Amino acid sequence: MLRTYEGILEGNRVRWAGEKVPDTDRPLRVHVTVLEEETEKGTQGQQMADALAKLAESSAFSTVDDPSAWQREVRHDRPLPGRDR
């Protein structure tokens, strides 16, 4: 039967919390699962939509006449064979 022990990872050491870990002089095999905070799926999408809306309101790219040419210039694209004629 596997037992689960709660702990806090501090650098390269685990500080055990909750139920007491058996006191032993031999190495103790453990399984550690790191639980990361999950972001709400709707929140991240809404943040991106808000940022894009602010960018559109600012007219940041209103001086760009040819978006494709501007992108090639900014990215310093090399001409692709058979595409830039």
N, C-alpha and C. Protein backbone atom coordinates (compact mmCIF):
# COMPACT_ATOMS: atom_id res chain seq x y z
N MET A 1 0.84 -1.18 0.00
CA MET A 1 0.00 0.00 0.00
C MET A 1 0.88 1.24 0.00
N LEU A 2 0.64 2.13 -0.95
CA LEU A 2 1.39 3.38 -1.01
C LEU A 2 0.79 4.39 -0.05
N ARG A 3 1.64 5.11 0.62
CA ARG A 3 1.19 6.18 1.52
C ARG A 3 1.60 7.51 0.92
N THR A 4 0.82 8.51 1.15
CA THR A 4 1.11 9.85 0.64
C THR A 4 1.43 10.75 1.81
N TYR A 5 2.54 11.48 1.66
CA TYR A 5 2.95 12.43 2.69
C TYR A 5 2.98 13.82 2.08
N GLU A 6 2.51 14.79 2.83
CA GLU A 6 2.51 16.17 2.36
C GLU A 6 3.81 16.83 2.78
N GLY A 7 4.39 17.62 1.89
CA GLY A 7 5.63 18.32 2.21
C GLY A 7 5.73 19.61 1.43
N ILE A 8 6.73 20.40 1.77
CA ILE A 8 7.00 21.66 1.09
C ILE A 8 8.41 21.60 0.55
N LEU A 9 8.56 21.82 -0.74
CA LEU A 9 9.87 21.79 -1.37
C LEU A 9 10.54 23.13 -1.14
N GLU A 10 11.70 23.12 -0.49
CA GLU A 10 12.49 24.33 -0.21
C GLU A 10 13.87 24.12 -0.80
N GLY A 11 14.11 24.69 -1.98
CA GLY A 11 15.38 24.46 -2.65
C GLY A 11 15.46 23.01 -3.08
N ASN A 12 16.44 22.28 -2.53
CA ASN A 12 16.57 20.86 -2.89
C ASN A 12 16.20 19.94 -1.73
N ARG A 13 15.44 20.46 -0.77
CA ARG A 13 15.01 19.66 0.39
C ARG A 13 13.49 19.71 0.53
N VAL A 14 12.95 18.66 1.11
CA VAL A 14 11.52 18.61 1.38
C VAL A 14 11.32 18.75 2.88
N ARG A 15 10.49 19.71 3.26
CA ARG A 15 10.11 19.86 4.67
C ARG A 15 8.74 19.21 4.81
N TRP A 16 8.69 18.14 5.59
CA TRP A 16 7.47 17.38 5.71
C TRP A 16 6.44 18.10 6.57
N ALA A 17 5.20 18.00 6.17
CA ALA A 17 4.09 18.61 6.90
C ALA A 17 2.99 17.55 7.04
N GLY A 18 1.98 17.85 7.79
CA GLY A 18 0.87 16.91 7.92
C GLY A 18 1.28 15.67 8.69
N GLU A 19 0.91 14.50 8.18
CA GLU A 19 1.20 13.23 8.85
C GLU A 19 2.71 13.04 8.98
N LYS A 20 3.13 12.55 10.12
CA LYS A 20 4.56 12.37 10.38
C LYS A 20 5.13 11.27 9.50
N VAL A 21 6.27 11.56 8.90
CA VAL A 21 6.97 10.59 8.07
C VAL A 21 7.70 9.62 8.99
N PRO A 22 7.69 8.32 8.66
CA PRO A 22 8.38 7.36 9.53
C PRO A 22 9.84 7.74 9.75
N ASP A 23 10.27 7.65 10.99
CA ASP A 23 11.66 7.96 11.35
C ASP A 23 12.51 6.74 11.02
N THR A 24 13.46 6.92 10.09
CA THR A 24 14.29 5.80 9.68
C THR A 24 15.67 6.29 9.31
N ASP A 25 16.66 5.44 9.48
CA ASP A 25 18.03 5.78 9.10
C ASP A 25 18.33 5.40 7.66
N ARG A 26 17.49 4.59 7.07
CA ARG A 26 17.73 4.18 5.69
C ARG A 26 17.05 5.16 4.73
N PRO A 27 17.50 5.20 3.49
CA PRO A 27 16.86 6.08 2.52
C PRO A 27 15.39 5.71 2.35
N LEU A 28 14.58 6.70 2.17
CA LEU A 28 13.14 6.50 2.05
C LEU A 28 12.72 6.85 0.64
N ARG A 29 12.15 5.89 -0.06
CA ARG A 29 11.70 6.13 -1.43
C ARG A 29 10.41 6.93 -1.38
N VAL A 30 10.38 8.04 -2.14
CA VAL A 30 9.18 8.88 -2.15
C VAL A 30 8.80 9.21 -3.58
N HIS A 31 7.56 9.56 -3.76
CA HIS A 31 7.05 10.07 -5.03
C HIS A 31 6.56 11.47 -4.76
N VAL A 32 7.05 12.44 -5.51
CA VAL A 32 6.65 13.84 -5.31
C VAL A 32 5.94 14.32 -6.55
N THR A 33 4.79 14.89 -6.39
CA THR A 33 4.04 15.46 -7.50
C THR A 33 3.95 16.96 -7.27
N VAL A 34 4.43 17.74 -8.22
CA VAL A 34 4.36 19.19 -8.10
C VAL A 34 3.03 19.63 -8.71
N LEU A 35 2.23 20.29 -7.91
CA LEU A 35 0.94 20.79 -8.38
C LEU A 35 1.09 22.27 -8.65
N GLU A 36 0.96 22.64 -9.92
CA GLU A 36 1.08 24.04 -10.28
C GLU A 36 -0.32 24.66 -10.32
N GLU A 37 -0.37 25.93 -10.02
CA GLU A 37 -1.65 26.63 -10.07
C GLU A 37 -2.13 26.67 -11.51
N GLU A 38 -3.38 26.30 -11.70
CA GLU A 38 -3.95 26.34 -13.04
C GLU A 38 -4.64 27.69 -13.23
N THR A 39 -4.43 28.27 -14.40
CA THR A 39 -5.13 29.51 -14.70
C THR A 39 -6.48 29.16 -15.31
N GLU A 40 -7.43 30.00 -15.05
CA GLU A 40 -8.74 29.77 -15.64
C GLU A 40 -8.64 30.01 -17.13
N LYS A 41 -9.18 29.08 -17.91
CA LYS A 41 -9.04 29.16 -19.36
C LYS A 41 -9.65 30.44 -19.92
N GLY A 42 -10.76 30.87 -19.41
CA GLY A 42 -11.40 32.09 -19.90
C GLY A 42 -10.61 33.34 -19.56
N THR A 43 -9.90 33.33 -18.46
CA THR A 43 -9.16 34.50 -18.01
C THR A 43 -8.03 34.86 -18.96
N GLN A 44 -7.25 33.88 -19.38
CA GLN A 44 -6.12 34.14 -20.27
C GLN A 44 -6.60 34.67 -21.62
N GLY A 45 -7.65 34.08 -22.16
CA GLY A 45 -8.20 34.54 -23.43
C GLY A 45 -8.75 35.96 -23.33
N GLN A 46 -9.39 36.26 -22.22
CA GLN A 46 -9.94 37.61 -22.03
C GLN A 46 -8.83 38.63 -21.90
N GLN A 47 -7.74 38.27 -21.22
CA GLN A 47 -6.60 39.19 -21.10
C GLN A 47 -6.02 39.50 -22.47
N MET A 48 -5.90 38.49 -23.33
CA MET A 48 -5.38 38.70 -24.68
C MET A 48 -6.33 39.58 -25.48
N ALA A 49 -7.62 39.34 -25.38
CA ALA A 49 -8.61 40.16 -26.09
C ALA A 49 -8.54 41.61 -25.63
N ASP A 50 -8.40 41.84 -24.34
CA ASP A 50 -8.29 43.20 -23.81
C ASP A 50 -7.04 43.90 -24.33
N ALA A 51 -5.92 43.19 -24.36
CA ALA A 51 -4.67 43.77 -24.86
C ALA A 51 -4.78 44.13 -26.34
N LEU A 52 -5.39 43.25 -27.13
CA LEU A 52 -5.56 43.54 -28.56
C LEU A 52 -6.52 44.71 -28.78
N ALA A 53 -7.55 44.82 -27.95
CA ALA A 53 -8.49 45.93 -28.07
C ALA A 53 -7.78 47.25 -27.77
N LYS A 54 -6.94 47.28 -26.75
CA LYS A 54 -6.19 48.50 -26.43
C LYS A 54 -5.24 48.87 -27.55
N LEU A 55 -4.61 47.87 -28.15
CA LEU A 55 -3.70 48.10 -29.27
C LEU A 55 -4.47 48.69 -30.45
N ALA A 56 -5.64 48.18 -30.73
CA ALA A 56 -6.45 48.69 -31.83
C ALA A 56 -6.90 50.13 -31.57
N GLU A 57 -7.27 50.43 -30.34
CA GLU A 57 -7.70 51.78 -29.98
C GLU A 57 -6.57 52.80 -30.10
N SER A 58 -5.35 52.36 -29.90
CA SER A 58 -4.21 53.28 -29.93
C SER A 58 -3.77 53.63 -31.35
N SER A 59 -4.31 52.94 -32.35
CA SER A 59 -3.92 53.15 -33.76
C SER A 59 -2.41 53.02 -33.94
N ALA A 60 -1.83 52.05 -33.26
CA ALA A 60 -0.38 51.88 -33.27
C ALA A 60 0.18 51.59 -34.66
N PHE A 61 -0.60 50.95 -35.51
CA PHE A 61 -0.10 50.56 -36.82
C PHE A 61 -0.80 51.30 -37.96
N SER A 62 -1.37 52.44 -37.66
CA SER A 62 -2.10 53.18 -38.68
C SER A 62 -1.21 53.74 -39.79
N THR A 63 0.07 53.87 -39.54
CA THR A 63 0.98 54.41 -40.55
C THR A 63 1.53 53.33 -41.49
N VAL A 64 1.18 52.07 -41.25
CA VAL A 64 1.67 50.97 -42.07
C VAL A 64 0.76 50.83 -43.29
N ASP A 65 1.33 51.10 -44.48
CA ASP A 65 0.53 51.03 -45.71
C ASP A 65 0.42 49.60 -46.22
N ASP A 66 1.54 48.86 -46.24
CA ASP A 66 1.56 47.48 -46.74
C ASP A 66 2.04 46.57 -45.62
N PRO A 67 1.10 45.90 -44.91
CA PRO A 67 1.48 45.07 -43.77
C PRO A 67 2.48 43.97 -44.11
N SER A 68 2.37 43.36 -45.30
CA SER A 68 3.30 42.29 -45.67
C SER A 68 4.71 42.83 -45.83
N ALA A 69 4.85 43.96 -46.50
CA ALA A 69 6.17 44.57 -46.69
C ALA A 69 6.74 45.00 -45.34
N TRP A 70 5.89 45.56 -44.49
CA TRP A 70 6.34 45.99 -43.16
C TRP A 70 6.84 44.80 -42.35
N GLN A 71 6.11 43.68 -42.42
CA GLN A 71 6.52 42.50 -41.66
C GLN A 71 7.84 41.95 -42.19
N ARG A 72 8.02 41.90 -43.50
CA ARG A 72 9.29 41.43 -44.06
C ARG A 72 10.45 42.32 -43.61
N GLU A 73 10.20 43.63 -43.58
CA GLU A 73 11.25 44.58 -43.18
C GLU A 73 11.61 44.39 -41.70
N VAL A 74 10.60 44.24 -40.87
CA VAL A 74 10.83 44.09 -39.44
C VAL A 74 11.53 42.77 -39.14
N ARG A 75 11.11 41.72 -39.81
CA ARG A 75 11.68 40.39 -39.56
C ARG A 75 12.93 40.14 -40.38
N HIS A 76 13.25 41.00 -41.29
CA HIS A 76 14.41 40.84 -42.18
C HIS A 76 14.35 39.50 -42.90
N ASP A 77 13.16 39.22 -43.44
CA ASP A 77 12.98 37.96 -44.17
C ASP A 77 13.83 37.93 -45.43
N ARG A 78 14.32 36.77 -45.73
CA ARG A 78 15.03 36.59 -46.99
C ARG A 78 14.00 36.22 -48.05
N PRO A 79 14.23 36.55 -49.30
CA PRO A 79 13.28 36.17 -50.36
C PRO A 79 13.20 34.65 -50.47
N LEU A 80 12.02 34.13 -50.57
CA LEU A 80 11.83 32.70 -50.71
C LEU A 80 11.74 32.36 -52.19
N PRO A 81 12.38 31.31 -52.62
CA PRO A 81 12.36 30.93 -54.04
C PRO A 81 10.92 30.73 -54.54
N GLY A 82 10.58 31.44 -55.62
CA GLY A 82 9.27 31.28 -56.23
C GLY A 82 8.14 32.03 -55.52
N ARG A 83 8.41 32.74 -54.44
CA ARG A 83 7.33 33.42 -53.71
C ARG A 83 7.38 34.93 -53.84
N ASP A 84 8.56 35.53 -53.84
CA ASP A 84 8.69 36.99 -53.91
C ASP A 84 9.09 37.40 -55.29
N ARG A 85 8.12 37.55 -56.16
CA ARG A 85 8.41 37.95 -57.54
C ARG A 85 7.76 39.26 -57.83
